[in-house]
Amino acid sequence: MTFELSPNLTWLFTEAGPSPAARVRAAASAGFRFVDTWALPSADQAADYVAALRETGVTIVVVTAPIGEAGDAAQLETNLSALADALPLARQIGARHLVVTGGTVLDGVDPREQRAALVAFLKRAADIVAGSGVGILLENLNSRVDHRGCFLDSTPETVAIVREVGRPEVAVLYDAYHSLVMGEDVRAVLADAVDHIKHVQVADVPGRHEPGTGTLDWAELLGDLEASGYSGPLGLEYQPTVESVASTQTLRRAMAER
């Protein structure tokens, strides 16, 4: 199976310069129809960004929600307000999803209380985005290498939280890199979670660089994704060590050989 690839423009196509619009155009020129990114454009970048997206037909799959600690009950109203303020711009650029993480472990807060606060935030967030065409994706990060002290580092727990929220507006972003760093069994995780997964991101392990730089068996990972029934784009969320298009060649070969 050949998956569409969705380069993360925070790390890829930096050859085009700092402008988000320039990176969109560069990705489109290289044949990509989808992109991921972290930040929403700033006010002075928005018009050119939107123009670039319309010119190229590129779709933004995910962008990070500009909020604070999602599991901090004291920040609930502030976070919901920030989400509501960001939603019009997310809609303007045609983003499919806003990404939320569990934040960091809060000192002096019972983990059960932090989990409950995260669930409460997601339920209220679902109300805010309902009917907008923009969904919320909850992503777990790895706490062993890149995000020490993060609160949510387990895919099964992330799926359990999304199930508890019980809203179609809230789903899972499965990052295979974070999952593998945490020692999870990808096939088992996907078998239990695929109905809730709306986007998948990848990077090689170890190092978080492009496919071919680590020890990950890409044919096996692709097989696991295919067997799970996932058919959406693969977000390329890695720090390339070579030019952006060249960094995709190992993954493209692995897909072609399947």
C-alpha atoms as a PDB file:
ATOM      1  CA  MET A   1       0.000   0.000   0.000  1.00  0.00           C
ATOM      2  CA  THR A   2       1.219   3.501  -0.825  1.00  0.00           C
ATOM      3  CA  PHE A   3       0.406   6.085   1.815  1.00  0.00           C
ATOM      4  CA  GLU A   4       0.216   9.789   1.085  1.00  0.00           C
ATOM      5  CA  LEU A   5       3.029  11.627   2.844  1.00  0.00           C
ATOM      6  CA  SER A   6       2.473  14.789   4.855  1.00  0.00           C
ATOM      7  CA  PRO A   7       5.763  16.579   5.656  1.00  0.00           C
ATOM      8  CA  ASN A   8       5.866  18.636   8.820  1.00  0.00           C
ATOM      9  CA  LEU A   9       6.798  22.126   7.658  1.00  0.00           C
ATOM     10  CA  THR A  10       8.324  23.025  11.004  1.00  0.00           C
ATOM     11  CA  TRP A  11      11.211  20.676  10.231  1.00  0.00           C
ATOM     12  CA  LEU A  12      10.965  19.961   6.507  1.00  0.00           C
ATOM     13  CA  PHE A  13      11.268  22.320   3.541  1.00  0.00           C
ATOM     14  CA  THR A  14      13.250  24.755   5.626  1.00  0.00           C
ATOM     15  CA  GLU A  15      15.293  25.142   2.429  1.00  0.00           C
ATOM     16  CA  ALA A  16      12.513  27.495   1.294  1.00  0.00           C
ATOM     17  CA  GLY A  17      13.214  29.862   4.192  1.00  0.00           C
ATOM     18  CA  PRO A  18      11.279  30.832   7.311  1.00  0.00           C
ATOM     19  CA  SER A  19       8.021  31.792   5.581  1.00  0.00           C
ATOM     20  CA  PRO A  20       5.247  29.201   6.132  1.00  0.00           C
ATOM     21  CA  ALA A  21       3.774  30.136   2.745  1.00  0.00           C
ATOM     22  CA  ALA A  22       7.096  29.540   1.002  1.00  0.00           C
ATOM     23  CA  ARG A  23       7.357  26.125   2.614  1.00  0.00           C
ATOM     24  CA  VAL A  24       3.817  25.258   1.482  1.00  0.00           C
ATOM     25  CA  ARG A  25       4.713  26.209  -2.069  1.00  0.00           C
ATOM     26  CA  ALA A  26       7.948  24.229  -1.922  1.00  0.00           C
ATOM     27  CA  ALA A  27       6.148  21.140  -0.630  1.00  0.00           C
ATOM     28  CA  ALA A  28       3.523  21.463  -3.358  1.00  0.00           C
ATOM     29  CA  SER A  29       6.221  21.834  -6.026  1.00  0.00           C
ATOM     30  CA  ALA A  30       7.707  18.566  -4.763  1.00  0.00           C
ATOM     31  CA  GLY A  31       4.367  16.826  -5.252  1.00  0.00           C
ATOM     32  CA  PHE A  32       2.981  16.775  -1.709  1.00  0.00           C
ATOM     33  CA  ARG A  33      -0.771  17.331  -1.285  1.00  0.00           C
ATOM     34  CA  PHE A  34      -0.771  17.303   2.512  1.00  0.00           C
ATOM     35  CA  VAL A  35       1.358  18.961   5.176  1.00  0.00           C
ATOM     36  CA  ASP A  36       1.571  19.011   8.955  1.00  0.00           C
ATOM     37  CA  THR A  37       2.824  21.929  11.004  1.00  0.00           C
ATOM     38  CA  TRP A  38       3.134  22.980  14.613  1.00  0.00           C
ATOM     39  CA  ALA A  39       2.220  26.646  14.804  1.00  0.00           C
ATOM     40  CA  LEU A  40      -0.641  28.601  13.319  1.00  0.00           C
ATOM     41  CA  PRO A  41       0.587  31.484  11.153  1.00  0.00           C
ATOM     42  CA  SER A  42       1.124  34.847  12.777  1.00  0.00           C
ATOM     43  CA  ALA A  43      -1.182  37.739  11.873  1.00  0.00           C
ATOM     44  CA  ASP A  44       1.307  39.181   9.380  1.00  0.00           C
ATOM     45  CA  GLN A  45       1.798  35.774   7.707  1.00  0.00           C
ATOM     46  CA  ALA A  46      -1.832  34.698   7.464  1.00  0.00           C
ATOM     47  CA  ALA A  47      -2.831  36.290   4.148  1.00  0.00           C
ATOM     48  CA  ASP A  48       0.150  34.918   2.204  1.00  0.00           C
ATOM     49  CA  TYR A  49      -0.247  31.558   3.932  1.00  0.00           C
ATOM     50  CA  VAL A  50      -3.880  31.259   2.928  1.00  0.00           C
ATOM     51  CA  ALA A  51      -3.039  32.385  -0.616  1.00  0.00           C
ATOM     52  CA  ALA A  52      -0.349  29.698  -0.879  1.00  0.00           C
ATOM     53  CA  LEU A  53      -2.737  27.009   0.301  1.00  0.00           C
ATOM     54  CA  ARG A  54      -5.403  28.079  -2.180  1.00  0.00           C
ATOM     55  CA  GLU A  55      -2.939  28.326  -5.069  1.00  0.00           C
ATOM     56  CA  THR A  56      -1.465  24.900  -4.443  1.00  0.00           C
ATOM     57  CA  GLY A  57      -4.467  22.981  -3.139  1.00  0.00           C
ATOM     58  CA  VAL A  58      -2.371  21.716  -0.232  1.00  0.00           C
ATOM     59  CA  THR A  59      -4.301  20.570   2.853  1.00  0.00           C
ATOM     60  CA  ILE A  60      -3.028  21.076   6.389  1.00  0.00           C
ATOM     61  CA  VAL A  61      -3.707  17.869   8.257  1.00  0.00           C
ATOM     62  CA  VAL A  62      -2.663  18.952  11.754  1.00  0.00           C
ATOM     63  CA  VAL A  63      -1.566  22.068  13.600  1.00  0.00           C
ATOM     64  CA  THR A  64      -0.860  22.352  17.319  1.00  0.00           C
ATOM     65  CA  ALA A  65      -3.524  23.979  19.486  1.00  0.00           C
ATOM     66  CA  PRO A  66      -2.011  27.113  21.114  1.00  0.00           C
ATOM     67  CA  ILE A  67      -2.973  26.313  24.697  1.00  0.00           C
ATOM     68  CA  GLY A  68      -1.235  25.824  28.033  1.00  0.00           C
ATOM     69  CA  GLU A  69      -1.404  22.787  30.309  1.00  0.00           C
ATOM     70  CA  ALA A  70      -4.436  20.844  29.130  1.00  0.00           C
ATOM     71  CA  GLY A  71      -4.499  18.790  32.329  1.00  0.00           C
ATOM     72  CA  ASP A  72      -4.396  21.751  34.705  1.00  0.00           C
ATOM     73  CA  ALA A  73      -7.860  22.410  36.088  1.00  0.00           C
ATOM     74  CA  ALA A  74      -6.814  25.940  37.013  1.00  0.00           C
ATOM     75  CA  GLN A  75      -6.122  26.708  33.344  1.00  0.00           C
ATOM     76  CA  LEU A  76      -9.350  25.227  32.000  1.00  0.00           C
ATOM     77  CA  GLU A  77     -11.157  28.440  31.093  1.00  0.00           C
ATOM     78  CA  THR A  78      -7.982  30.113  29.810  1.00  0.00           C
ATOM     79  CA  ASN A  79      -7.233  27.127  27.579  1.00  0.00           C
ATOM     80  CA  LEU A  80     -10.783  26.961  26.257  1.00  0.00           C
ATOM     81  CA  SER A  81     -10.701  30.664  25.472  1.00  0.00           C
ATOM     82  CA  ALA A  82      -7.389  30.280  23.639  1.00  0.00           C
ATOM     83  CA  LEU A  83      -8.807  27.365  21.658  1.00  0.00           C
ATOM     84  CA  ALA A  84     -11.905  29.357  20.705  1.00  0.00           C
ATOM     85  CA  ASP A  85      -9.722  32.277  19.615  1.00  0.00           C
ATOM     86  CA  ALA A  86      -7.554  29.997  17.451  1.00  0.00           C
ATOM     87  CA  LEU A  87     -10.429  28.163  15.781  1.00  0.00           C
ATOM     88  CA  PRO A  88     -11.306  30.848  13.169  1.00  0.00           C
ATOM     89  CA  LEU A  89      -7.717  30.887  11.888  1.00  0.00           C
ATOM     90  CA  ALA A  90      -7.573  27.091  11.870  1.00  0.00           C
ATOM     91  CA  ARG A  91     -10.728  27.115   9.763  1.00  0.00           C
ATOM     92  CA  GLN A  92      -9.355  29.865   7.516  1.00  0.00           C
ATOM     93  CA  ILE A  93      -6.295  27.777   6.631  1.00  0.00           C
ATOM     94  CA  GLY A  94      -8.400  24.643   6.251  1.00  0.00           C
ATOM     95  CA  ALA A  95      -6.681  22.650   8.987  1.00  0.00           C
ATOM     96  CA  ARG A  96      -8.334  19.319   9.627  1.00  0.00           C
ATOM     97  CA  HIS A  97      -7.246  18.938  13.234  1.00  0.00           C
ATOM     98  CA  LEU A  98      -5.857  20.830  16.210  1.00  0.00           C
ATOM     99  CA  VAL A  99      -3.421  18.743  18.267  1.00  0.00           C
ATOM    100  CA  VAL A 100      -3.480  18.646  22.068  1.00  0.00           C
ATOM    101  CA  THR A 101      -1.022  16.857  24.366  1.00  0.00           C
ATOM    102  CA  GLY A 102      -1.387  15.952  28.011  1.00  0.00           C
ATOM    103  CA  GLY A 103       1.134  18.562  29.061  1.00  0.00           C
ATOM    104  CA  THR A 104       3.591  17.952  31.899  1.00  0.00           C
ATOM    105  CA  VAL A 105       3.284  16.178  35.229  1.00  0.00           C
ATOM    106  CA  LEU A 106       2.052  18.855  37.623  1.00  0.00           C
ATOM    107  CA  ASP A 107       3.760  19.097  40.996  1.00  0.00           C
ATOM    108  CA  GLY A 108       1.501  18.298  43.910  1.00  0.00           C
ATOM    109  CA  VAL A 109      -1.401  17.179  41.716  1.00  0.00           C
ATOM    110  CA  ASP A 110      -2.772  13.645  41.962  1.00  0.00           C
ATOM    111  CA  PRO A 111      -2.427  11.976  38.514  1.00  0.00           C
ATOM    112  CA  ARG A 112      -6.087  10.984  38.714  1.00  0.00           C
ATOM    113  CA  GLU A 113      -7.053  14.630  39.150  1.00  0.00           C
ATOM    114  CA  GLN A 114      -4.838  15.665  36.234  1.00  0.00           C
ATOM    115  CA  ARG A 115      -6.384  12.985  34.043  1.00  0.00           C
ATOM    116  CA  ALA A 116      -9.880  14.121  35.029  1.00  0.00           C
ATOM    117  CA  ALA A 117      -8.969  17.716  34.194  1.00  0.00           C
ATOM    118  CA  LEU A 118      -7.705  16.627  30.775  1.00  0.00           C
ATOM    119  CA  VAL A 119     -10.956  14.751  30.108  1.00  0.00           C
ATOM    120  CA  ALA A 120     -12.964  17.791  31.193  1.00  0.00           C
ATOM    121  CA  PHE A 121     -10.971  20.033  28.884  1.00  0.00           C
ATOM    122  CA  LEU A 122     -11.451  17.713  25.912  1.00  0.00           C
ATOM    123  CA  LYS A 123     -15.202  17.463  26.470  1.00  0.00           C
ATOM    124  CA  ARG A 124     -15.530  21.247  26.550  1.00  0.00           C
ATOM    125  CA  ALA A 125     -13.143  21.564  23.601  1.00  0.00           C
ATOM    126  CA  ALA A 126     -15.388  19.226  21.612  1.00  0.00           C
ATOM    127  CA  ASP A 127     -18.271  21.626  22.200  1.00  0.00           C
ATOM    128  CA  ILE A 128     -16.170  24.523  20.872  1.00  0.00           C
ATOM    129  CA  VAL A 129     -15.148  22.821  17.616  1.00  0.00           C
ATOM    130  CA  ALA A 130     -18.432  20.979  16.993  1.00  0.00           C
ATOM    131  CA  GLY A 131     -19.730  21.701  13.493  1.00  0.00           C
ATOM    132  CA  SER A 132     -16.601  23.653  12.524  1.00  0.00           C
ATOM    133  CA  GLY A 133     -14.974  20.970  10.385  1.00  0.00           C
ATOM    134  CA  VAL A 134     -11.922  21.058  12.647  1.00  0.00           C
ATOM    135  CA  GLY A 135     -11.315  18.141  15.008  1.00  0.00           C
ATOM    136  CA  ILE A 136      -9.227  17.711  18.152  1.00  0.00           C
ATOM    137  CA  LEU A 137      -6.470  15.085  18.226  1.00  0.00           C
ATOM    138  CA  LEU A 138      -4.942  13.949  21.509  1.00  0.00           C
ATOM    139  CA  GLU A 139      -1.287  12.927  21.180  1.00  0.00           C
ATOM    140  CA  ASN A 140       0.872  11.090  23.695  1.00  0.00           C
ATOM    141  CA  LEU A 141       4.612  11.848  23.746  1.00  0.00           C
ATOM    142  CA  ASN A 142       7.561   9.789  24.893  1.00  0.00           C
ATOM    143  CA  SER A 143       8.894  10.512  28.372  1.00  0.00           C
ATOM    144  CA  ARG A 144      12.169   8.637  27.912  1.00  0.00           C
ATOM    145  CA  VAL A 145      14.056  10.840  25.441  1.00  0.00           C
ATOM    146  CA  ASP A 146      12.310  13.899  24.025  1.00  0.00           C
ATOM    147  CA  HIS A 147       9.697  14.895  26.590  1.00  0.00           C
ATOM    148  CA  ARG A 148      10.831  13.900  30.057  1.00  0.00           C
ATOM    149  CA  GLY A 149       8.180  14.819  32.572  1.00  0.00           C
ATOM    150  CA  CYS A 150       5.279  14.689  30.124  1.00  0.00           C
ATOM    151  CA  PHE A 151       2.016  13.527  31.644  1.00  0.00           C
ATOM    152  CA  LEU A 152       0.643  11.348  28.850  1.00  0.00           C
ATOM    153  CA  ASP A 153       3.200   8.916  27.381  1.00  0.00           C
ATOM    154  CA  SER A 154       1.060   5.829  26.687  1.00  0.00           C
ATOM    155  CA  THR A 155      -0.963   5.159  23.552  1.00  0.00           C
ATOM    156  CA  PRO A 156      -3.393   2.773  25.307  1.00  0.00           C
ATOM    157  CA  GLU A 157      -4.033   5.418  27.962  1.00  0.00           C
ATOM    158  CA  THR A 158      -4.575   8.042  25.270  1.00  0.00           C
ATOM    159  CA  VAL A 159      -7.113   5.794  23.572  1.00  0.00           C
ATOM    160  CA  ALA A 160      -8.824   5.180  26.918  1.00  0.00           C
ATOM    161  CA  ILE A 161      -9.127   8.923  27.503  1.00  0.00           C
ATOM    162  CA  VAL A 162     -10.582   9.498  24.029  1.00  0.00           C
ATOM    163  CA  ARG A 163     -13.084   6.723  24.653  1.00  0.00           C
ATOM    164  CA  GLU A 164     -14.046   8.298  27.956  1.00  0.00           C
ATOM    165  CA  VAL A 165     -14.543  11.683  26.298  1.00  0.00           C
ATOM    166  CA  GLY A 166     -16.842   9.906  23.885  1.00  0.00           C
ATOM    167  CA  ARG A 167     -17.159  12.675  21.330  1.00  0.00           C
ATOM    168  CA  PRO A 168     -16.630  12.298  17.559  1.00  0.00           C
ATOM    169  CA  GLU A 169     -14.773  15.618  17.530  1.00  0.00           C
ATOM    170  CA  VAL A 170     -11.955  14.115  19.657  1.00  0.00           C
ATOM    171  CA  ALA A 171      -9.667  11.381  18.333  1.00  0.00           C
ATOM    172  CA  VAL A 172      -6.075  10.108  18.588  1.00  0.00           C
ATOM    173  CA  LEU A 173      -2.905  11.210  16.838  1.00  0.00           C
ATOM    174  CA  TYR A 174      -0.684   8.108  16.811  1.00  0.00           C
ATOM    175  CA  ASP A 175       3.007   8.988  16.603  1.00  0.00           C
ATOM    176  CA  ALA A 176       4.869   5.748  15.893  1.00  0.00           C
ATOM    177  CA  TYR A 177       8.177   7.302  16.957  1.00  0.00           C
ATOM    178  CA  HIS A 178       6.930   8.167  20.447  1.00  0.00           C
ATOM    179  CA  SER A 179       5.209   4.777  20.693  1.00  0.00           C
ATOM    180  CA  LEU A 180       8.354   2.850  19.777  1.00  0.00           C
ATOM    181  CA  VAL A 181      10.593   4.875  22.082  1.00  0.00           C
ATOM    182  CA  MET A 182       8.228   3.878  24.899  1.00  0.00           C
ATOM    183  CA  GLY A 183       8.603   0.211  23.933  1.00  0.00           C
ATOM    184  CA  GLU A 184       5.043  -0.282  22.746  1.00  0.00           C
ATOM    185  CA  ASP A 185       4.058  -3.101  20.391  1.00  0.00           C
ATOM    186  CA  VAL A 186       2.864  -1.201  17.325  1.00  0.00           C
ATOM    187  CA  ARG A 187       0.686  -3.969  15.958  1.00  0.00           C
ATOM    188  CA  ALA A 188      -1.056  -4.526  19.288  1.00  0.00           C
ATOM    189  CA  VAL A 189      -1.554  -0.809  19.864  1.00  0.00           C
ATOM    190  CA  LEU A 190      -3.025  -0.269  16.416  1.00  0.00           C
ATOM    191  CA  ALA A 191      -5.335  -3.269  16.677  1.00  0.00           C
ATOM    192  CA  ASP A 192      -6.929  -1.771  19.760  1.00  0.00           C
ATOM    193  CA  ALA A 193      -6.887   1.860  18.678  1.00  0.00           C
ATOM    194  CA  VAL A 194      -7.355   2.185  14.932  1.00  0.00           C
ATOM    195  CA  ASP A 195     -11.040   3.121  15.170  1.00  0.00           C
ATOM    196  CA  HIS A 196      -9.991   6.215  17.102  1.00  0.00           C
ATOM    197  CA  ILE A 197      -6.841   7.136  15.132  1.00  0.00           C
ATOM    198  CA  LYS A 198      -7.280  10.008  12.676  1.00  0.00           C
ATOM    199  CA  HIS A 199      -3.622  10.707  11.898  1.00  0.00           C
ATOM    200  CA  VAL A 200      -0.288   8.885  12.095  1.00  0.00           C
ATOM    201  CA  GLN A 201       3.176  10.440  12.302  1.00  0.00           C
ATOM    202  CA  VAL A 202       6.533   8.731  11.814  1.00  0.00           C
ATOM    203  CA  ALA A 203      10.273   9.191  12.355  1.00  0.00           C
ATOM    204  CA  ASP A 204      13.146   6.739  12.581  1.00  0.00           C
ATOM    205  CA  VAL A 205      14.290   5.295  15.904  1.00  0.00           C
ATOM    206  CA  PRO A 206      16.609   6.229  17.516  1.00  0.00           C
ATOM    207  CA  GLY A 207      17.391   9.839  16.642  1.00  0.00           C
ATOM    208  CA  ARG A 208      14.066  11.105  15.278  1.00  0.00           C
ATOM    209  CA  HIS A 209      15.556  11.653  11.839  1.00  0.00           C
ATOM    210  CA  GLU A 210      14.396  10.526   8.400  1.00  0.00           C
ATOM    211  CA  PRO A 211      13.656   6.887   7.531  1.00  0.00           C
ATOM    212  CA  GLY A 212      16.877   4.981   6.984  1.00  0.00           C
ATOM    213  CA  THR A 213      18.902   6.757   9.669  1.00  0.00           C
ATOM    214  CA  GLY A 214      17.893   4.474  12.533  1.00  0.00           C
ATOM    215  CA  THR A 215      17.065   0.841  13.143  1.00  0.00           C
ATOM    216  CA  LEU A 216      13.336   0.830  12.424  1.00  0.00           C
ATOM    217  CA  ASP A 217      12.115  -1.846   9.994  1.00  0.00           C
ATOM    218  CA  TRP A 218       9.987   0.336   7.719  1.00  0.00           C
ATOM    219  CA  ALA A 219       8.510  -2.579   5.772  1.00  0.00           C
ATOM    220  CA  GLU A 220       7.276  -4.020   9.059  1.00  0.00           C
ATOM    221  CA  LEU A 221       5.845  -0.704  10.247  1.00  0.00           C
ATOM    222  CA  LEU A 222       4.067  -0.140   6.949  1.00  0.00           C
ATOM    223  CA  GLY A 223       2.707  -3.670   7.147  1.00  0.00           C
ATOM    224  CA  ASP A 224       1.407  -3.033  10.651  1.00  0.00           C
ATOM    225  CA  LEU A 225      -0.285   0.186   9.535  1.00  0.00           C
ATOM    226  CA  GLU A 226      -1.810  -1.498   6.511  1.00  0.00           C
ATOM    227  CA  ALA A 227      -3.018  -4.484   8.558  1.00  0.00           C
ATOM    228  CA  SER A 228      -4.673  -2.126  11.032  1.00  0.00           C
ATOM    229  CA  GLY A 229      -6.800  -0.583   8.297  1.00  0.00           C
ATOM    230  CA  TYR A 230      -5.312   2.894   8.609  1.00  0.00           C
ATOM    231  CA  SER A 231      -5.327   4.566   5.191  1.00  0.00           C
ATOM    232  CA  GLY A 232      -4.750   8.259   5.880  1.00  0.00           C
ATOM    233  CA  PRO A 233      -1.590  10.302   5.302  1.00  0.00           C
ATOM    234  CA  LEU A 234       1.649   9.625   7.148  1.00  0.00           C
ATOM    235  CA  GLY A 235       2.926  12.734   8.858  1.00  0.00           C
ATOM    236  CA  LEU A 236       6.689  13.107   8.436  1.00  0.00           C
ATOM    237  CA  GLU A 237       7.626  14.562  11.805  1.00  0.00           C
ATOM    238  CA  TYR A 238      11.382  14.177  11.836  1.00  0.00           C
ATOM    239  CA  GLN A 239      14.491  16.336  11.737  1.00  0.00           C
ATOM    240  CA  PRO A 240      16.038  15.625   8.327  1.00  0.00           C
ATOM    241  CA  THR A 241      19.784  15.244   7.990  1.00  0.00           C
ATOM    242  CA  VAL A 242      19.592  15.732   4.212  1.00  0.00           C
ATOM    243  CA  GLU A 243      17.504  17.820   1.801  1.00  0.00           C
ATOM    244  CA  SER A 244      13.782  17.437   2.457  1.00  0.00           C
ATOM    245  CA  VAL A 245      12.714  15.508  -0.660  1.00  0.00           C
ATOM    246  CA  ALA A 246      15.787  13.273  -0.479  1.00  0.00           C
ATOM    247  CA  SER A 247      14.897  12.460   3.120  1.00  0.00           C
ATOM    248  CA  THR A 248      11.763  10.624   1.969  1.00  0.00           C
ATOM    249  CA  GLN A 249      13.458   8.170  -0.372  1.00  0.00           C
ATOM    250  CA  THR A 250      13.860   5.243   2.031  1.00  0.00           C
ATOM    251  CA  LEU A 251      10.189   5.425   2.980  1.00  0.00           C
ATOM    252  CA  ARG A 252       9.123   5.735  -0.650  1.00  0.00           C
ATOM    253  CA  ARG A 253      11.192   2.675  -1.589  1.00  0.00           C
ATOM    254  CA  ALA A 254       9.690   0.709   1.294  1.00  0.00           C
ATOM    255  CA  MET A 255       6.184   1.561   0.086  1.00  0.00           C
ATOM    256  CA  ALA A 256       7.022   0.731  -3.539  1.00  0.00           C
ATOM    257  CA  GLU A 257       8.389  -2.669  -2.572  1.00  0.00           C
ATOM    258  CA  ARG A 258       5.256  -3.724  -0.700  1.00  0.00           C
END
